[in-house]
N, C-alpha and C. Protein backbone atom coordinates (compact mmCIF):
# COMPACT_ATOMS: atom_id res chain seq x y z
N MET A 1 -113.33 -42.64 -56.00
CA MET A 1 -114.56 -42.67 -56.48
C MET A 1 -115.41 -42.48 -56.20
N PRO A 2 -116.59 -42.00 -54.54
CA PRO A 2 -116.92 -41.51 -54.37
C PRO A 2 -116.79 -40.54 -53.83
N LEU A 3 -116.03 -39.46 -54.39
CA LEU A 3 -116.31 -38.08 -54.49
C LEU A 3 -116.73 -37.93 -56.08
N LYS A 4 -116.41 -38.01 -56.66
CA LYS A 4 -116.68 -38.01 -58.40
C LYS A 4 -118.24 -38.19 -58.48
N GLN A 5 -119.11 -39.11 -57.89
CA GLN A 5 -119.79 -40.19 -57.38
C GLN A 5 -120.72 -38.80 -57.04
N GLN A 6 -120.43 -37.83 -55.76
CA GLN A 6 -121.15 -36.55 -55.32
C GLN A 6 -121.08 -35.75 -56.16
N LYS A 7 -120.80 -35.87 -57.50
CA LYS A 7 -120.89 -34.69 -57.52
C LYS A 7 -121.63 -34.96 -59.02
N THR A 8 -121.71 -36.56 -59.54
CA THR A 8 -122.77 -36.42 -60.68
C THR A 8 -124.35 -36.47 -59.91
N ASN A 9 -124.16 -36.64 -58.31
CA ASN A 9 -125.04 -36.38 -57.69
C ASN A 9 -125.97 -34.56 -57.66
N PHE A 10 -124.83 -34.52 -57.36
CA PHE A 10 -125.45 -33.03 -57.25
C PHE A 10 -125.57 -32.40 -58.51
N LYS A 11 -125.10 -33.07 -59.59
CA LYS A 11 -125.05 -32.46 -61.40
C LYS A 11 -126.95 -32.84 -61.42
N LEU A 12 -127.30 -33.82 -61.00
CA LEU A 12 -128.83 -34.62 -60.98
C LEU A 12 -129.94 -33.82 -60.08
N LEU A 13 -128.81 -32.58 -58.90
CA LEU A 13 -130.36 -32.39 -58.27
C LEU A 13 -131.43 -31.48 -59.02
N PRO A 14 -130.45 -30.87 -59.86
CA PRO A 14 -131.43 -29.30 -60.37
C PRO A 14 -132.54 -29.69 -60.76
N VAL A 15 -131.72 -31.10 -62.09
CA VAL A 15 -133.11 -31.04 -62.92
C VAL A 15 -134.16 -32.18 -62.63
N ILE A 16 -133.51 -32.82 -60.95
CA ILE A 16 -135.08 -33.38 -60.26
C ILE A 16 -135.37 -31.99 -59.84
N LEU A 17 -135.55 -31.24 -58.68
CA LEU A 17 -135.76 -30.68 -58.21
C LEU A 17 -136.37 -29.57 -58.81
N LEU A 18 -135.71 -29.33 -60.22
CA LEU A 18 -136.56 -27.26 -60.93
C LEU A 18 -138.12 -28.32 -61.40
N PRO A 19 -138.11 -30.22 -62.05
CA PRO A 19 -139.78 -29.87 -62.13
C PRO A 19 -140.55 -29.48 -61.37
N LEU A 20 -139.59 -30.07 -60.30
CA LEU A 20 -140.88 -30.15 -58.76
C LEU A 20 -141.85 -29.34 -58.71
N ILE A 21 -140.52 -28.26 -58.49
CA ILE A 21 -141.21 -26.83 -58.05
C ILE A 21 -141.53 -26.14 -59.12
N LEU A 22 -141.51 -26.26 -59.90
CA LEU A 22 -142.66 -25.92 -61.78
C LEU A 22 -143.48 -26.72 -60.86
N PHE A 23 -143.76 -27.99 -60.75
CA PHE A 23 -145.39 -28.50 -60.87
C PHE A 23 -146.32 -28.12 -59.53
N SER A 24 -145.08 -27.29 -59.07
CA SER A 24 -145.67 -26.49 -56.83
C SER A 24 -145.99 -25.88 -57.28
N TYR A 25 -145.91 -24.99 -58.96
CA TYR A 25 -146.00 -23.55 -58.31
C TYR A 25 -147.32 -23.85 -59.81
N THR A 26 -147.39 -24.29 -60.59
CA THR A 26 -148.68 -24.48 -61.43
C THR A 26 -149.35 -25.16 -60.45
N LEU A 27 -149.65 -26.22 -59.82
CA LEU A 27 -150.40 -26.74 -58.48
C LEU A 27 -150.94 -25.25 -58.14
N LYS A 28 -150.42 -24.81 -57.26
CA LYS A 28 -150.68 -23.29 -56.59
C LYS A 28 -151.71 -22.56 -57.15
N SER A 29 -150.57 -22.23 -58.27
CA SER A 29 -151.94 -21.26 -59.11
C SER A 29 -153.02 -21.76 -60.33
N TRP A 30 -153.00 -23.08 -60.13
CA TRP A 30 -155.01 -23.62 -60.39
C TRP A 30 -155.64 -23.21 -59.60
N PHE A 31 -155.28 -24.14 -58.04
CA PHE A 31 -156.19 -23.83 -57.20
C PHE A 31 -156.36 -22.24 -57.15
N HIS A 32 -155.25 -21.35 -57.03
CA HIS A 32 -156.08 -20.11 -56.94
C HIS A 32 -156.80 -19.04 -58.40
N LEU A 33 -156.40 -19.74 -59.49
CA LEU A 33 -157.52 -19.73 -60.16
C LEU A 33 -158.63 -20.02 -60.34
N GLN A 34 -159.23 -21.92 -59.69
CA GLN A 34 -160.12 -22.35 -59.02
C GLN A 34 -161.26 -21.34 -58.27
N ASP A 35 -160.20 -21.26 -57.75
CA ASP A 35 -161.27 -19.69 -55.78
C ASP A 35 -161.49 -18.38 -56.95
N ARG A 36 -160.83 -17.94 -57.35
CA ARG A 36 -161.01 -17.06 -58.46
C ARG A 36 -162.56 -16.63 -59.32
N LEU A 37 -162.32 -17.99 -60.32
CA LEU A 37 -163.24 -18.93 -60.54
C LEU A 37 -165.12 -19.05 -60.42
N ASN A 38 -164.66 -19.43 -58.58
CA ASN A 38 -165.97 -19.83 -58.22
C ASN A 38 -166.29 -18.60 -57.24
N ILE A 39 -165.30 -17.02 -56.91
CA ILE A 39 -165.83 -15.70 -56.59
C ILE A 39 -166.83 -15.22 -57.28
N ILE A 40 -165.83 -15.45 -59.06
CA ILE A 40 -166.89 -15.04 -60.41
C ILE A 40 -167.83 -15.49 -60.66
N LYS A 41 -168.26 -16.95 -60.33
CA LYS A 41 -169.97 -16.92 -60.08
C LYS A 41 -170.89 -16.74 -59.00
N SER A 42 -169.73 -16.89 -57.64
CA SER A 42 -170.85 -16.53 -57.00
C SER A 42 -171.30 -14.83 -56.95
N ALA A 43 -170.51 -14.24 -57.84
CA ALA A 43 -170.83 -12.66 -58.34
C ALA A 43 -171.62 -12.02 -59.24
N GLN A 44 -171.66 -12.92 -60.24
CA GLN A 44 -172.65 -13.20 -61.64
C GLN A 44 -174.12 -13.78 -60.83
N ASP A 45 -174.01 -15.11 -60.10
CA ASP A 45 -175.33 -15.29 -59.47
C ASP A 45 -175.66 -13.82 -58.56
N LYS A 46 -175.26 -13.39 -58.40
CA LYS A 46 -175.71 -11.84 -57.48
C LYS A 46 -175.89 -11.37 -57.55
N VAL A 47 -175.83 -11.02 -59.38
CA VAL A 47 -176.07 -9.90 -60.53
C VAL A 47 -177.39 -10.69 -60.27
N ILE A 48 -177.46 -11.61 -61.00
CA ILE A 48 -178.59 -12.15 -61.40
C ILE A 48 -180.07 -11.95 -60.40
N GLN A 49 -179.52 -12.66 -59.30
CA GLN A 49 -180.84 -12.31 -58.29
C GLN A 49 -181.05 -10.63 -58.36
N GLU A 50 -179.62 -9.97 -57.99
CA GLU A 50 -180.51 -8.19 -57.83
C GLU A 50 -181.10 -7.88 -59.49
N LYS A 51 -180.62 -8.02 -60.23
CA LYS A 51 -181.07 -8.20 -61.45
C LYS A 51 -182.95 -8.63 -61.73
N GLU A 52 -183.57 -9.71 -61.30
CA GLU A 52 -184.78 -10.36 -60.93
C GLU A 52 -185.13 -9.09 -59.87
N LYS A 53 -184.92 -9.28 -58.99
CA LYS A 53 -185.52 -8.12 -57.68
C LYS A 53 -185.99 -6.68 -58.26
N LYS A 54 -184.63 -6.52 -59.10
CA LYS A 54 -185.39 -4.52 -59.67
C LYS A 54 -186.81 -4.94 -60.66
N ASP A 55 -185.64 -6.39 -61.22
CA ASP A 55 -186.89 -6.25 -62.36
C ASP A 55 -188.38 -6.36 -61.99
N SER A 56 -188.67 -7.15 -60.27
CA SER A 56 -189.87 -6.58 -59.50
C SER A 56 -190.12 -5.82 -58.95
N LEU A 57 -189.36 -4.96 -58.55
CA LEU A 57 -189.18 -3.88 -57.88
C LEU A 57 -189.54 -2.80 -58.97
N GLU A 58 -189.16 -3.52 -60.25
CA GLU A 58 -190.25 -1.71 -61.15
C GLU A 58 -191.89 -2.72 -61.22
N ARG A 59 -191.76 -3.50 -61.37
CA ARG A 59 -193.39 -4.18 -61.72
C ARG A 59 -194.10 -3.70 -60.69
N GLU A 60 -193.48 -3.77 -59.73
CA GLU A 60 -194.76 -2.71 -58.33
C GLU A 60 -194.65 -1.52 -57.96
N LEU A 61 -194.03 -0.94 -58.83
CA LEU A 61 -193.77 0.47 -58.49
C LEU A 61 -194.53 1.37 -59.89
N ALA A 62 -194.70 0.23 -61.42
CA ALA A 62 -195.72 0.43 -61.96
C ALA A 62 -197.22 -0.30 -61.48
N ARG A 63 -197.63 -1.01 -60.95
CA ARG A 63 -198.31 -1.28 -60.31
C ARG A 63 -199.26 -0.28 -59.43
N VAL A 64 -197.89 0.23 -58.32
CA VAL A 64 -198.96 1.81 -57.47
C VAL A 64 -199.53 2.25 -58.50
N GLN A 65 -198.57 2.89 -58.68
CA GLN A 65 -198.46 4.42 -59.88
C GLN A 65 -199.61 4.09 -60.36
N GLU A 66 -200.63 3.32 -60.35
CA GLU A 66 -201.44 3.62 -61.16
C GLU A 66 -202.25 4.28 -60.59
N THR A 67 -203.95 4.72 -61.58
CA THR A 67 -204.91 5.44 -60.72
C THR A 67 -205.91 4.84 -60.43
N ASN A 68 -206.36 3.12 -60.18
CA ASN A 68 -207.27 2.72 -59.58
C ASN A 68 -206.65 1.56 -58.48
N PHE A 69 -204.63 1.34 -58.30
CA PHE A 69 -204.24 1.38 -56.58
C PHE A 69 -204.80 2.64 -56.26
N ILE A 70 -204.41 4.36 -56.38
CA ILE A 70 -204.76 4.82 -55.49
C ILE A 70 -205.40 5.47 -55.30
N GLU A 71 -206.61 5.37 -55.90
CA GLU A 71 -207.94 5.44 -55.14
C GLU A 71 -208.32 4.38 -54.47
N LYS A 72 -208.16 2.51 -54.31
CA LYS A 72 -208.10 1.73 -53.63
C LYS A 72 -207.66 2.12 -52.69
N GLN A 73 -206.44 1.82 -52.42
CA GLN A 73 -205.99 2.74 -50.32
C GLN A 73 -206.26 4.03 -50.62
N ALA A 74 -206.78 4.95 -51.14
CA ALA A 74 -207.60 6.13 -50.35
C ALA A 74 -208.37 5.69 -49.85
N ARG A 75 -209.09 4.74 -50.68
CA ARG A 75 -210.96 4.76 -49.78
C ARG A 75 -210.26 3.19 -48.69
N ASP A 76 -209.67 2.78 -48.98
CA ASP A 76 -209.62 1.80 -47.67
C ASP A 76 -209.16 2.16 -46.78
N LYS A 77 -207.22 3.03 -46.81
CA LYS A 77 -206.77 2.91 -45.74
C LYS A 77 -207.03 4.60 -45.30
N LEU A 78 -208.14 5.23 -46.03
CA LEU A 78 -208.11 7.00 -46.25
C LEU A 78 -209.28 7.31 -45.49
N ASN A 79 -210.28 6.94 -45.92
CA ASN A 79 -211.66 6.12 -45.37
C ASN A 79 -211.94 7.35 -46.94
N LEU A 80 -211.63 7.76 -47.81
CA LEU A 80 -211.53 8.72 -48.02
C LEU A 80 -212.89 8.68 -49.97
N GLY A 81 -213.98 8.46 -50.50
CA GLY A 81 -214.62 8.87 -51.41
C GLY A 81 -214.54 9.66 -52.64
N LYS A 82 -214.90 9.70 -53.70
CA LYS A 82 -215.86 10.36 -54.67
C LYS A 82 -216.58 12.05 -54.43
N GLU A 83 -216.16 12.49 -54.59
CA GLU A 83 -217.54 13.73 -54.24
C GLU A 83 -219.18 13.29 -54.69
N GLU A 84 -219.48 12.66 -55.72
CA GLU A 84 -220.76 12.35 -55.13
C GLU A 84 -220.99 11.55 -54.38
N GLU A 85 -220.47 10.33 -54.22
CA GLU A 85 -220.54 8.67 -53.62
C GLU A 85 -221.10 9.59 -52.25
N ILE A 86 -221.79 9.16 -51.98
CA ILE A 86 -222.37 9.05 -50.15
C ILE A 86 -221.72 7.49 -49.18
N ALA A 87 -221.35 8.64 -47.96
CA ALA A 87 -221.03 7.03 -47.41
C ALA A 87 -222.34 6.15 -46.34
N VAL A 88 -221.72 4.96 -46.05
CA VAL A 88 -223.11 4.65 -45.46
C VAL A 88 -222.05 4.53 -44.67
N ILE A 89 -222.77 4.20 -43.25
CA ILE A 89 -221.51 3.84 -42.08
C ILE A 89 -222.54 1.82 -41.63
N LEU A 90 -222.28 1.19 -41.46
CA LEU A 90 -223.05 0.34 -40.97
C LEU A 90 -222.68 -0.17 -39.46
N PRO A 91 -222.72 -0.81 -38.49
CA PRO A 91 -223.12 -0.13 -36.90
C PRO A 91 -222.27 -2.18 -37.47
N THR A 92 -220.71 -2.21 -36.58
CA THR A 92 -220.47 -3.33 -36.50
C THR A 92 -221.43 -5.07 -35.42
N LEU A 93 -222.03 -5.92 -36.09
CA LEU A 93 -222.74 -6.60 -35.52
C LEU A 93 -221.86 -6.92 -34.72
N SER A 94 -221.98 -7.55 -33.26
CA SER A 94 -221.20 -7.87 -32.30
C SER A 94 -222.25 -9.72 -31.82
N LEU A 95 -221.32 -10.51 -32.25
CA LEU A 95 -222.32 -11.88 -31.51
C LEU A 95 -221.05 -12.51 -30.76
N SER A 96 -222.66 -12.99 -30.26
CA SER A 96 -221.55 -13.49 -28.15
C SER A 96 -221.08 -14.63 -28.75
N PRO A 97 -219.96 -14.77 -28.40
CA PRO A 97 -219.37 -16.21 -28.58
C PRO A 97 -219.85 -17.10 -28.07
N GLU A 98 -220.51 -17.23 -26.81
CA GLU A 98 -221.55 -18.89 -27.08
C GLU A 98 -222.62 -18.35 -27.27
N ALA A 99 -223.29 -20.22 -27.70
CA ALA A 99 -224.51 -20.60 -28.26
C ALA A 99 -225.75 -19.98 -26.95
N THR A 100 -226.74 -19.64 -27.32
CA THR A 100 -227.83 -19.63 -26.20
C THR A 100 -228.35 -20.71 -26.04
N PRO A 101 -228.27 -20.92 -24.67
CA PRO A 101 -228.18 -22.76 -23.78
C PRO A 101 -229.97 -22.87 -23.92
N THR A 102 -230.58 -24.06 -24.46
CA THR A 102 -231.94 -24.03 -24.67
C THR A 102 -232.31 -24.83 -23.39
N PRO A 103 -233.53 -24.05 -22.38
CA PRO A 103 -233.48 -24.81 -20.89
C PRO A 103 -235.12 -26.25 -21.60
N PRO A 104 -233.88 -26.84 -20.20
CA PRO A 104 -234.08 -28.94 -20.60
C PRO A 104 -235.23 -28.65 -20.79
N ASP A 105 -236.12 -29.69 -21.26
CA ASP A 105 -237.51 -30.55 -21.17
C ASP A 105 -237.64 -30.95 -20.53
N THR A 106 -238.99 -30.22 -19.38
CA THR A 106 -239.49 -31.67 -18.08
C THR A 106 -240.84 -31.76 -18.37
N SER A 107 -241.08 -32.32 -18.99
CA SER A 107 -242.62 -32.94 -20.31
C SER A 107 -242.53 -33.88 -19.79
N ALA A 108 -243.32 -34.59 -19.21
CA ALA A 108 -243.25 -35.98 -19.29
C ALA A 108 -243.07 -36.71 -20.54
N ASN A 109 -242.16 -38.13 -20.98
CA ASN A 109 -242.02 -38.54 -22.15
C ASN A 109 -242.79 -39.45 -23.08
N TRP A 110 -244.62 -39.27 -22.75
CA TRP A 110 -245.28 -39.72 -23.17
C TRP A 110 -245.84 -38.60 -24.36
N GLN A 111 -245.17 -37.44 -23.59
CA GLN A 111 -245.72 -35.58 -24.30
C GLN A 111 -244.71 -35.36 -25.44
N LYS A 112 -243.13 -35.42 -25.06
CA LYS A 112 -242.75 -35.68 -25.87
C LYS A 112 -242.93 -36.48 -27.61
N TRP A 113 -243.09 -37.85 -27.07
CA TRP A 113 -243.74 -38.41 -28.64
C TRP A 113 -244.35 -38.05 -29.00
N VAL A 114 -246.08 -37.80 -28.06
CA VAL A 114 -246.94 -36.80 -28.80
C VAL A 114 -246.82 -35.77 -30.22
N ARG A 115 -245.54 -34.93 -29.46
CA ARG A 115 -245.28 -33.40 -30.13
C ARG A 115 -244.47 -34.53 -31.25
N LEU A 116 -243.68 -34.96 -31.17
CA LEU A 116 -243.43 -35.87 -31.95
C LEU A 116 -243.52 -36.03 -33.34
N PHE A 117 -244.79 -37.27 -32.80
CA PHE A 117 -244.95 -37.70 -34.16
C PHE A 117 -246.60 -36.59 -34.94
N LEU A 118 -246.87 -35.36 -33.81
CA LEU A 118 -248.20 -34.60 -33.99
C LEU A 118 -248.02 -33.14 -35.03
């Protein structure tokens, strides 16, 4: 009897192992699929960011190519002007960083009161 029971155990072994193997492969495939989906999502996010950056750069290019911008840059950075304009150069003011000290008042108190009220 023990020999027959061993045979039934060997016949039962594939019935148990086959679903376990199939389940493990399915689980492994599911994890790989999730990884691939995450990679695709991050790539889509990066594409959206790059499109926004491209749009921003195109707007900046359009702004820079305007004649007003070019004239302003020529005036500000190159110190150029139009033919009929006259350039006026003003000297820079150099202010002293310290306030001018006031001399101490050495007059008598009664003289200070008189100046205050008169």
